[in-house]
Amino acid sequence: MRIATFNINNVNKRLANLLAWLERERPDVVCLQELKSTKAAFPSKAIRDAGYHALVHGQASWNGVAILSTTSPPIETRRQLPGYDTDTQARYLEAAVRGVIVGSLYAPNGNPIAGPKFAYKLAWLEALLAHAKQLYASGHPIVLAGDYNIVPTDDDIYNPRSWKRNALLQPQARALYRRLLEQGWLDAIRAKHDEPVFTFWDYFREHWSRNAGLRLDHLLLSERLQPTLVDAGVDRWVRGEEGASDHAPTWVELDYKPA
C-alpha cells in the first residue's frame, strides 16, 4: 500500500500536474493540502475519472485538505481537530481508508513570528499533539500525513542561516514536532534516509535548480504500522514540471493488509 501526501498549492490551477502524477505513480491513498478550493469547486469528476474517490474539506482561496483513495471511498472520522470545530480554517481531515486511519493535515505557516499567526500555529500544533496522543493510544494503524510547516532540524534544510527568523524553524515549533515523535510516532522519511531529503523548494532565487530545499512534508506512522514500512521517498520529478507546486509528493510504501 502506498500512501502519499502532496501540498498541491491550488488544486484547480494545478489539476494537470496532479492528474499526471496520479497516472504515473498510482498511489493507493493521497492526502492533499492547500486546495484553495471549496468542496463545490473541487474537480471531483476529473478525480473520479482518474480512478479515485475523494473526501474534501475545502475553503475558498485558502487552506483546504482532502483524502483520495482507490478501490473504496474514505469514511470520514473527523473534520477538524478537537477544540477547532468552529474554526473557519480548513486544516485537518481524518478518515478510515483501506483499513488504515489517515489524517491529512495542513499546519499553519505562522509567519510573521511576532504576532497572532505564530501564536495560532503553536496553539494548533498543541491541539494536534493532544489528538495524536489519543490516536496513538488507540492501537489502530494510523498515518498522520501532510504539510506540517516545520523543518525538524538543520539537516532538513539546505542552509538555515537565512531562515532563522522564519516560523518554519523556530525552536517552539521544532519542540512540538519532537514531542510528537516522543509519543511513539515514526517519521517515515527520516527512518529510511540518512542523507538530507527535501520536499519543498520555493519559487525564489533559483531554489529548485540549485536544490536549495526544505523538508516540510512528513508522514508519521503509529506503532501498528511501523513494522510494515518498506520504503519512503519523494517524487521529485513532479516539482520539475511546468506550473508545478512548490512542494513535491512524499510517500510511504507499507506491506500492510488489513485484518
C-alpha atoms as a PDB file:
ATOM      1  CA  MET A   1       0.000   0.000   0.000  1.00  0.00           C
ATOM      2  CA  ARG A   2       1.389   3.387  -0.999  1.00  0.00           C
ATOM      3  CA  ILE A   3       0.178   6.419   0.961  1.00  0.00           C
ATOM      4  CA  ALA A   4       1.265   9.842  -0.254  1.00  0.00           C
ATOM      5  CA  THR A   5       0.942  13.438   0.836  1.00  0.00           C
ATOM      6  CA  PHE A   6       1.035  16.375  -1.564  1.00  0.00           C
ATOM      7  CA  ASN A   7       0.621  20.095  -0.945  1.00  0.00           C
ATOM      8  CA  ILE A   8      -0.856  20.872  -4.355  1.00  0.00           C
ATOM      9  CA  ASN A   9      -0.936  24.679  -3.817  1.00  0.00           C
ATOM     10  CA  ASN A  10      -4.243  25.226  -5.666  1.00  0.00           C
ATOM     11  CA  VAL A  11      -5.896  22.060  -6.913  1.00  0.00           C
ATOM     12  CA  ASN A  12      -7.709  23.641  -9.841  1.00  0.00           C
ATOM     13  CA  LYS A  13      -4.747  25.639 -11.075  1.00  0.00           C
ATOM     14  CA  ARG A  14      -2.512  22.567 -10.904  1.00  0.00           C
ATOM     15  CA  LEU A  15      -5.031  19.880 -11.799  1.00  0.00           C
ATOM     16  CA  ALA A  16      -2.994  18.758 -14.815  1.00  0.00           C
ATOM     17  CA  ASN A  17       0.065  18.283 -12.599  1.00  0.00           C
ATOM     18  CA  LEU A  18      -1.976  16.294 -10.083  1.00  0.00           C
ATOM     19  CA  LEU A  19      -3.546  14.045 -12.721  1.00  0.00           C
ATOM     20  CA  ALA A  20      -0.184  13.386 -14.402  1.00  0.00           C
ATOM     21  CA  TRP A  21       1.297  12.324 -11.081  1.00  0.00           C
ATOM     22  CA  LEU A  22      -1.680  10.099 -10.196  1.00  0.00           C
ATOM     23  CA  GLU A  23      -1.492   8.386 -13.569  1.00  0.00           C
ATOM     24  CA  ARG A  24       2.256   7.756 -13.390  1.00  0.00           C
ATOM     25  CA  GLU A  25       2.686   6.808  -9.706  1.00  0.00           C
ATOM     26  CA  ARG A  26      -0.772   5.393  -8.815  1.00  0.00           C
ATOM     27  CA  PRO A  27      -0.633   5.848  -5.026  1.00  0.00           C
ATOM     28  CA  ASP A  28      -3.401   3.981  -3.190  1.00  0.00           C
ATOM     29  CA  VAL A  29      -4.186   6.836  -0.796  1.00  0.00           C
ATOM     30  CA  VAL A  30      -3.406  10.534  -1.226  1.00  0.00           C
ATOM     31  CA  CYS A  31      -3.561  13.327   1.321  1.00  0.00           C
ATOM     32  CA  LEU A  32      -3.825  16.733  -0.356  1.00  0.00           C
ATOM     33  CA  GLN A  33      -3.251  20.114   1.241  1.00  0.00           C
ATOM     34  CA  GLU A  34      -3.696  23.762   0.287  1.00  0.00           C
ATOM     35  CA  LEU A  35      -6.555  23.055  -2.093  1.00  0.00           C
ATOM     36  CA  LYS A  36      -7.564  26.729  -2.215  1.00  0.00           C
ATOM     37  CA  SER A  37     -10.966  25.447  -3.264  1.00  0.00           C
ATOM     38  CA  THR A  38     -14.377  24.894  -1.772  1.00  0.00           C
ATOM     39  CA  LYS A  39     -15.916  21.452  -1.964  1.00  0.00           C
ATOM     40  CA  ALA A  40     -18.268  22.683  -4.694  1.00  0.00           C
ATOM     41  CA  ALA A  41     -15.366  23.918  -6.821  1.00  0.00           C
ATOM     42  CA  PHE A  42     -13.199  20.848  -6.225  1.00  0.00           C
ATOM     43  CA  PRO A  43     -12.568  18.936  -9.516  1.00  0.00           C
ATOM     44  CA  SER A  44     -14.430  15.831  -8.365  1.00  0.00           C
ATOM     45  CA  LYS A  45     -15.246  14.498 -11.819  1.00  0.00           C
ATOM     46  CA  ALA A  46     -11.659  14.684 -13.031  1.00  0.00           C
ATOM     47  CA  ILE A  47     -10.519  12.900  -9.874  1.00  0.00           C
ATOM     48  CA  ARG A  48     -13.190  10.201 -10.334  1.00  0.00           C
ATOM     49  CA  ASP A  49     -12.198   9.760 -13.952  1.00  0.00           C
ATOM     50  CA  ALA A  50      -8.625   9.230 -12.764  1.00  0.00           C
ATOM     51  CA  GLY A  51      -9.839   6.338 -10.594  1.00  0.00           C
ATOM     52  CA  TYR A  52     -10.026   7.998  -7.182  1.00  0.00           C
ATOM     53  CA  HIS A  53     -12.731   8.638  -4.614  1.00  0.00           C
ATOM     54  CA  ALA A  54     -12.382  11.992  -2.845  1.00  0.00           C
ATOM     55  CA  LEU A  55     -13.267  13.272   0.611  1.00  0.00           C
ATOM     56  CA  VAL A  56     -12.917  17.059   0.732  1.00  0.00           C
ATOM     57  CA  HIS A  57     -12.732  19.677   3.475  1.00  0.00           C
ATOM     58  CA  GLY A  58     -12.448  22.827   1.401  1.00  0.00           C
ATOM     59  CA  GLN A  59     -12.182  26.548   1.857  1.00  0.00           C
ATOM     60  CA  ALA A  60     -12.361  29.366  -0.680  1.00  0.00           C
ATOM     61  CA  SER A  61      -8.988  30.858  -1.666  1.00  0.00           C
ATOM     62  CA  TRP A  62      -7.010  29.438   1.269  1.00  0.00           C
ATOM     63  CA  ASN A  63      -6.111  26.177   3.013  1.00  0.00           C
ATOM     64  CA  GLY A  64      -8.262  23.098   2.310  1.00  0.00           C
ATOM     65  CA  VAL A  65      -7.443  19.401   2.690  1.00  0.00           C
ATOM     66  CA  ALA A  66      -8.624  16.216   1.018  1.00  0.00           C
ATOM     67  CA  ILE A  67      -8.136  12.454   1.081  1.00  0.00           C
ATOM     68  CA  LEU A  68      -8.209  10.441  -2.142  1.00  0.00           C
ATOM     69  CA  SER A  69      -8.443   6.668  -2.371  1.00  0.00           C
ATOM     70  CA  THR A  70      -8.639   3.971  -4.971  1.00  0.00           C
ATOM     71  CA  THR A  71     -10.934   0.958  -4.549  1.00  0.00           C
ATOM     72  CA  SER A  72     -13.280   2.367  -1.885  1.00  0.00           C
ATOM     73  CA  PRO A  73     -14.335   5.818  -0.635  1.00  0.00           C
ATOM     74  CA  PRO A  74     -12.685   7.218   2.510  1.00  0.00           C
ATOM     75  CA  ILE A  75     -15.004   7.070   5.515  1.00  0.00           C
ATOM     76  CA  GLU A  76     -14.795  10.343   7.412  1.00  0.00           C
ATOM     77  CA  THR A  77     -13.972  10.147  11.119  1.00  0.00           C
ATOM     78  CA  ARG A  78     -13.069  13.775  11.866  1.00  0.00           C
ATOM     79  CA  ARG A  79     -13.188  17.125  10.032  1.00  0.00           C
ATOM     80  CA  GLN A  80     -11.317  19.393  12.447  1.00  0.00           C
ATOM     81  CA  LEU A  81      -9.023  18.905  15.411  1.00  0.00           C
ATOM     82  CA  PRO A  82     -10.784  18.717  18.781  1.00  0.00           C
ATOM     83  CA  GLY A  83     -11.444  22.226  20.009  1.00  0.00           C
ATOM     84  CA  TYR A  84     -11.381  23.657  16.493  1.00  0.00           C
ATOM     85  CA  ASP A  85     -14.865  22.639  15.372  1.00  0.00           C
ATOM     86  CA  THR A  86     -15.866  26.258  14.715  1.00  0.00           C
ATOM     87  CA  ASP A  87     -12.546  27.261  13.159  1.00  0.00           C
ATOM     88  CA  THR A  88     -13.009  28.647   9.662  1.00  0.00           C
ATOM     89  CA  GLN A  89      -9.598  27.412   8.527  1.00  0.00           C
ATOM     90  CA  ALA A  90      -9.836  24.002   6.815  1.00  0.00           C
ATOM     91  CA  ARG A  91      -6.667  22.315   8.015  1.00  0.00           C
ATOM     92  CA  TYR A  92      -7.478  18.769   9.155  1.00  0.00           C
ATOM     93  CA  LEU A  93      -9.387  15.828   7.723  1.00  0.00           C
ATOM     94  CA  GLU A  94      -9.347  12.253   9.010  1.00  0.00           C
ATOM     95  CA  ALA A  95     -10.817   9.106   7.526  1.00  0.00           C
ATOM     96  CA  ALA A  96     -10.739   5.316   7.545  1.00  0.00           C
ATOM     97  CA  VAL A  97      -9.209   4.221   4.254  1.00  0.00           C
ATOM     98  CA  ARG A  98      -8.449   0.628   3.270  1.00  0.00           C
ATOM     99  CA  GLY A  99      -8.080  -0.477   6.878  1.00  0.00           C
ATOM    100  CA  VAL A 100      -5.956   2.486   7.986  1.00  0.00           C
ATOM    101  CA  ILE A 101      -6.871   5.698   9.777  1.00  0.00           C
ATOM    102  CA  VAL A 102      -5.393   8.530   7.733  1.00  0.00           C
ATOM    103  CA  GLY A 103      -5.100  12.143   8.832  1.00  0.00           C
ATOM    104  CA  SER A 104      -4.448  14.789   6.190  1.00  0.00           C
ATOM    105  CA  LEU A 105      -3.155  17.942   7.833  1.00  0.00           C
ATOM    106  CA  TYR A 106      -2.035  21.391   6.779  1.00  0.00           C
ATOM    107  CA  ALA A 107      -0.430  23.092   9.759  1.00  0.00           C
ATOM    108  CA  PRO A 108      -0.363  26.898   9.925  1.00  0.00           C
ATOM    109  CA  ASN A 109       2.673  28.612   8.446  1.00  0.00           C
ATOM    110  CA  GLY A 110       2.951  31.016  11.372  1.00  0.00           C
ATOM    111  CA  ASN A 111       4.708  33.972   9.768  1.00  0.00           C
ATOM    112  CA  PRO A 112       5.425  36.583  10.922  1.00  0.00           C
ATOM    113  CA  ILE A 113       6.607  35.180  14.239  1.00  0.00           C
ATOM    114  CA  ALA A 114       5.917  38.416  16.150  1.00  0.00           C
ATOM    115  CA  GLY A 115       2.157  38.270  16.005  1.00  0.00           C
ATOM    116  CA  PRO A 116      -1.083  36.283  16.199  1.00  0.00           C
ATOM    117  CA  LYS A 117      -0.280  33.972  13.272  1.00  0.00           C
ATOM    118  CA  PHE A 118       2.607  32.363  15.124  1.00  0.00           C
ATOM    119  CA  ALA A 119       0.528  32.050  18.293  1.00  0.00           C
ATOM    120  CA  TYR A 120      -2.206  30.343  16.243  1.00  0.00           C
ATOM    121  CA  LYS A 121       0.372  27.957  14.771  1.00  0.00           C
ATOM    122  CA  LEU A 122       1.616  26.880  18.202  1.00  0.00           C
ATOM    123  CA  ALA A 123      -1.918  26.504  19.603  1.00  0.00           C
ATOM    124  CA  TRP A 124      -2.995  24.440  16.592  1.00  0.00           C
ATOM    125  CA  LEU A 125       0.033  22.185  16.926  1.00  0.00           C
ATOM    126  CA  GLU A 126      -0.711  21.700  20.643  1.00  0.00           C
ATOM    127  CA  ALA A 127      -4.205  20.536  19.653  1.00  0.00           C
ATOM    128  CA  LEU A 128      -2.664  18.182  17.102  1.00  0.00           C
ATOM    129  CA  LEU A 129      -0.392  16.719  19.783  1.00  0.00           C
ATOM    130  CA  ALA A 130      -3.325  16.111  22.128  1.00  0.00           C
ATOM    131  CA  HIS A 131      -5.332  14.385  19.408  1.00  0.00           C
ATOM    132  CA  ALA A 132      -2.331  12.410  18.147  1.00  0.00           C
ATOM    133  CA  LYS A 133      -1.707  11.095  21.650  1.00  0.00           C
ATOM    134  CA  GLN A 134      -5.228   9.673  21.819  1.00  0.00           C
ATOM    135  CA  LEU A 135      -4.950   8.233  18.326  1.00  0.00           C
ATOM    136  CA  TYR A 136      -1.657   6.524  19.115  1.00  0.00           C
ATOM    137  CA  ALA A 137      -3.020   5.070  22.349  1.00  0.00           C
ATOM    138  CA  SER A 138      -5.918   3.504  20.428  1.00  0.00           C
ATOM    139  CA  GLY A 139      -3.552   0.976  18.865  1.00  0.00           C
ATOM    140  CA  HIS A 140      -5.086   1.411  15.416  1.00  0.00           C
ATOM    141  CA  PRO A 141      -2.968   1.534  12.251  1.00  0.00           C
ATOM    142  CA  ILE A 142      -2.645   5.285  11.657  1.00  0.00           C
ATOM    143  CA  VAL A 143      -0.783   7.634   9.322  1.00  0.00           C
ATOM    144  CA  LEU A 144      -0.654  11.363  10.038  1.00  0.00           C
ATOM    145  CA  ALA A 145       0.427  12.875   6.727  1.00  0.00           C
ATOM    146  CA  GLY A 146       0.723  16.391   5.470  1.00  0.00           C
ATOM    147  CA  ASP A 147       2.471  19.708   5.369  1.00  0.00           C
ATOM    148  CA  TYR A 148       3.496  20.285   8.972  1.00  0.00           C
ATOM    149  CA  ASN A 149       5.171  23.612   8.134  1.00  0.00           C
ATOM    150  CA  ILE A 150       8.060  22.600  10.383  1.00  0.00           C
ATOM    151  CA  VAL A 151      11.659  21.957   9.385  1.00  0.00           C
ATOM    152  CA  PRO A 152      12.510  19.447  12.141  1.00  0.00           C
ATOM    153  CA  THR A 153      16.300  20.012  12.258  1.00  0.00           C
ATOM    154  CA  ASP A 154      19.008  21.935  10.441  1.00  0.00           C
ATOM    155  CA  ASP A 155      19.709  18.734   8.498  1.00  0.00           C
ATOM    156  CA  ASP A 156      16.285  19.178   6.851  1.00  0.00           C
ATOM    157  CA  ILE A 157      17.132  22.441   5.094  1.00  0.00           C
ATOM    158  CA  TYR A 158      19.774  23.398   2.539  1.00  0.00           C
ATOM    159  CA  ASN A 159      21.066  26.248   4.710  1.00  0.00           C
ATOM    160  CA  PRO A 160      19.305  27.514   7.843  1.00  0.00           C
ATOM    161  CA  ARG A 161      21.167  30.822   8.023  1.00  0.00           C
ATOM    162  CA  SER A 162      18.714  32.982   6.050  1.00  0.00           C
ATOM    163  CA  TRP A 163      15.669  31.250   7.582  1.00  0.00           C
ATOM    164  CA  LYS A 164      16.460  31.824  11.256  1.00  0.00           C
ATOM    165  CA  ARG A 165      13.577  34.278  11.715  1.00  0.00           C
ATOM    166  CA  ASN A 166      11.115  32.139   9.770  1.00  0.00           C
ATOM    167  CA  ALA A 167       8.330  30.367  11.672  1.00  0.00           C
ATOM    168  CA  LEU A 168       9.251  27.064   9.993  1.00  0.00           C
ATOM    169  CA  LEU A 169      12.495  26.845  12.020  1.00  0.00           C
ATOM    170  CA  GLN A 170      11.514  28.358  15.337  1.00  0.00           C
ATOM    171  CA  PRO A 171      12.547  26.315  18.401  1.00  0.00           C
ATOM    172  CA  GLN A 172       8.987  26.274  19.786  1.00  0.00           C
ATOM    173  CA  ALA A 173       7.634  24.602  16.628  1.00  0.00           C
ATOM    174  CA  ARG A 174      10.546  22.185  16.452  1.00  0.00           C
ATOM    175  CA  ALA A 175       9.984  21.242  20.075  1.00  0.00           C
ATOM    176  CA  LEU A 176       6.355  20.431  19.320  1.00  0.00           C
ATOM    177  CA  TYR A 177       7.425  18.155  16.466  1.00  0.00           C
ATOM    178  CA  ARG A 178       9.894  16.378  18.764  1.00  0.00           C
ATOM    179  CA  ARG A 179       7.106  15.876  21.288  1.00  0.00           C
ATOM    180  CA  LEU A 180       5.062  14.170  18.571  1.00  0.00           C
ATOM    181  CA  LEU A 181       7.882  11.715  17.919  1.00  0.00           C
ATOM    182  CA  GLU A 182       8.279  11.162  21.662  1.00  0.00           C
ATOM    183  CA  GLN A 183       4.698   9.876  21.720  1.00  0.00           C
ATOM    184  CA  GLY A 184       5.994   6.985  19.609  1.00  0.00           C
ATOM    185  CA  TRP A 185       5.249   8.112  16.044  1.00  0.00           C
ATOM    186  CA  LEU A 186       7.817   7.181  13.413  1.00  0.00           C
ATOM    187  CA  ASP A 187       8.990   9.812  10.914  1.00  0.00           C
ATOM    188  CA  ALA A 188       9.000   7.526   7.869  1.00  0.00           C
ATOM    189  CA  ILE A 189      11.256   9.630   5.631  1.00  0.00           C
ATOM    190  CA  ARG A 190      13.868  10.032   8.323  1.00  0.00           C
ATOM    191  CA  ALA A 191      13.668   6.311   9.133  1.00  0.00           C
ATOM    192  CA  LYS A 192      14.586   5.423   5.542  1.00  0.00           C
ATOM    193  CA  HIS A 193      17.047   8.197   4.699  1.00  0.00           C
ATOM    194  CA  ASP A 194      20.205   9.293   6.487  1.00  0.00           C
ATOM    195  CA  GLU A 195      21.011  11.949   3.896  1.00  0.00           C
ATOM    196  CA  PRO A 196      19.106  15.258   3.589  1.00  0.00           C
ATOM    197  CA  VAL A 197      15.735  14.862   1.878  1.00  0.00           C
ATOM    198  CA  PHE A 198      13.758  17.878   0.697  1.00  0.00           C
ATOM    199  CA  THR A 199      10.046  18.140  -0.128  1.00  0.00           C
ATOM    200  CA  PHE A 200       9.705  21.891  -0.762  1.00  0.00           C
ATOM    201  CA  TRP A 201      11.574  24.366  -2.937  1.00  0.00           C
ATOM    202  CA  ASP A 202      10.165  27.886  -3.085  1.00  0.00           C
ATOM    203  CA  TYR A 203       9.906  29.847  -6.319  1.00  0.00           C
ATOM    204  CA  PHE A 204      12.627  32.383  -5.483  1.00  0.00           C
ATOM    205  CA  ARG A 205      16.380  32.640  -6.088  1.00  0.00           C
ATOM    206  CA  GLU A 206      16.506  29.523  -8.287  1.00  0.00           C
ATOM    207  CA  HIS A 207      15.993  27.307  -5.242  1.00  0.00           C
ATOM    208  CA  TRP A 208      14.685  24.408  -7.328  1.00  0.00           C
ATOM    209  CA  SER A 209      17.515  24.406  -9.846  1.00  0.00           C
ATOM    210  CA  ARG A 210      20.061  24.682  -7.020  1.00  0.00           C
ATOM    211  CA  ASN A 211      18.296  22.013  -4.922  1.00  0.00           C
ATOM    212  CA  ALA A 212      18.011  24.545  -2.123  1.00  0.00           C
ATOM    213  CA  GLY A 213      15.115  22.824  -0.418  1.00  0.00           C
ATOM    214  CA  LEU A 214      13.402  22.187   2.905  1.00  0.00           C
ATOM    215  CA  ARG A 215      11.656  19.153   4.384  1.00  0.00           C
ATOM    216  CA  LEU A 216       8.174  20.286   5.440  1.00  0.00           C
ATOM    217  CA  ASP A 217       6.017  17.306   4.438  1.00  0.00           C
ATOM    218  CA  HIS A 218       6.015  14.375   6.843  1.00  0.00           C
ATOM    219  CA  LEU A 219       4.301  11.010   7.216  1.00  0.00           C
ATOM    220  CA  LEU A 220       4.162   9.725  10.783  1.00  0.00           C
ATOM    221  CA  LEU A 221       3.335   6.085  11.438  1.00  0.00           C
ATOM    222  CA  SER A 222       1.701   4.614  14.529  1.00  0.00           C
ATOM    223  CA  GLU A 223       3.202   1.603  16.286  1.00  0.00           C
ATOM    224  CA  ARG A 224       0.985  -0.849  14.433  1.00  0.00           C
ATOM    225  CA  LEU A 225       2.296   0.273  11.045  1.00  0.00           C
ATOM    226  CA  GLN A 226       5.966   0.782  11.850  1.00  0.00           C
ATOM    227  CA  PRO A 227       6.994  -2.857  11.213  1.00  0.00           C
ATOM    228  CA  THR A 228       5.245  -2.712   7.823  1.00  0.00           C
ATOM    229  CA  LEU A 229       7.336   0.188   6.475  1.00  0.00           C
ATOM    230  CA  VAL A 230       9.051  -0.932   3.275  1.00  0.00           C
ATOM    231  CA  ASP A 231      10.189   2.358   1.801  1.00  0.00           C
ATOM    232  CA  ALA A 232       9.618   6.112   1.806  1.00  0.00           C
ATOM    233  CA  GLY A 233      10.554   8.804  -0.657  1.00  0.00           C
ATOM    234  CA  VAL A 234       9.768  11.939  -2.631  1.00  0.00           C
ATOM    235  CA  ASP A 235       8.549  12.120  -6.236  1.00  0.00           C
ATOM    236  CA  ARG A 236      10.917  14.957  -7.104  1.00  0.00           C
ATOM    237  CA  TRP A 237      10.092  14.863 -10.804  1.00  0.00           C
ATOM    238  CA  VAL A 238       6.719  16.456 -10.081  1.00  0.00           C
ATOM    239  CA  ARG A 239       8.393  19.636  -8.792  1.00  0.00           C
ATOM    240  CA  GLY A 240      10.263  19.994 -12.081  1.00  0.00           C
ATOM    241  CA  GLU A 241       7.140  20.016 -14.239  1.00  0.00           C
ATOM    242  CA  GLU A 242       5.804  23.201 -15.827  1.00  0.00           C
ATOM    243  CA  GLY A 243       3.483  25.102 -13.483  1.00  0.00           C
ATOM    244  CA  ALA A 244       4.360  22.826 -10.559  1.00  0.00           C
ATOM    245  CA  SER A 245       3.518  23.290  -6.909  1.00  0.00           C
ATOM    246  CA  ASP A 246       6.450  24.355  -4.745  1.00  0.00           C
ATOM    247  CA  HIS A 247       6.057  21.012  -2.920  1.00  0.00           C
ATOM    248  CA  ALA A 248       6.706  17.514  -4.255  1.00  0.00           C
ATOM    249  CA  PRO A 249       4.622  14.455  -3.349  1.00  0.00           C
ATOM    250  CA  THR A 250       6.052  12.488  -0.443  1.00  0.00           C
ATOM    251  CA  TRP A 251       5.111   8.855   0.193  1.00  0.00           C
ATOM    252  CA  VAL A 252       5.444   5.676   2.211  1.00  0.00           C
ATOM    253  CA  GLU A 253       5.219   2.096   0.986  1.00  0.00           C
ATOM    254  CA  LEU A 254       3.667  -0.267   3.538  1.00  0.00           C
ATOM    255  CA  ASP A 255       3.467  -4.034   3.499  1.00  0.00           C
ATOM    256  CA  TYR A 256       0.116  -3.898   5.198  1.00  0.00           C
ATOM    257  CA  LYS A 257      -3.062  -5.833   4.635  1.00  0.00           C
ATOM    258  CA  PRO A 258      -5.966  -5.115   6.991  1.00  0.00           C
ATOM    259  CA  ALA A 259      -7.290  -7.979   9.052  1.00  0.00           C
END
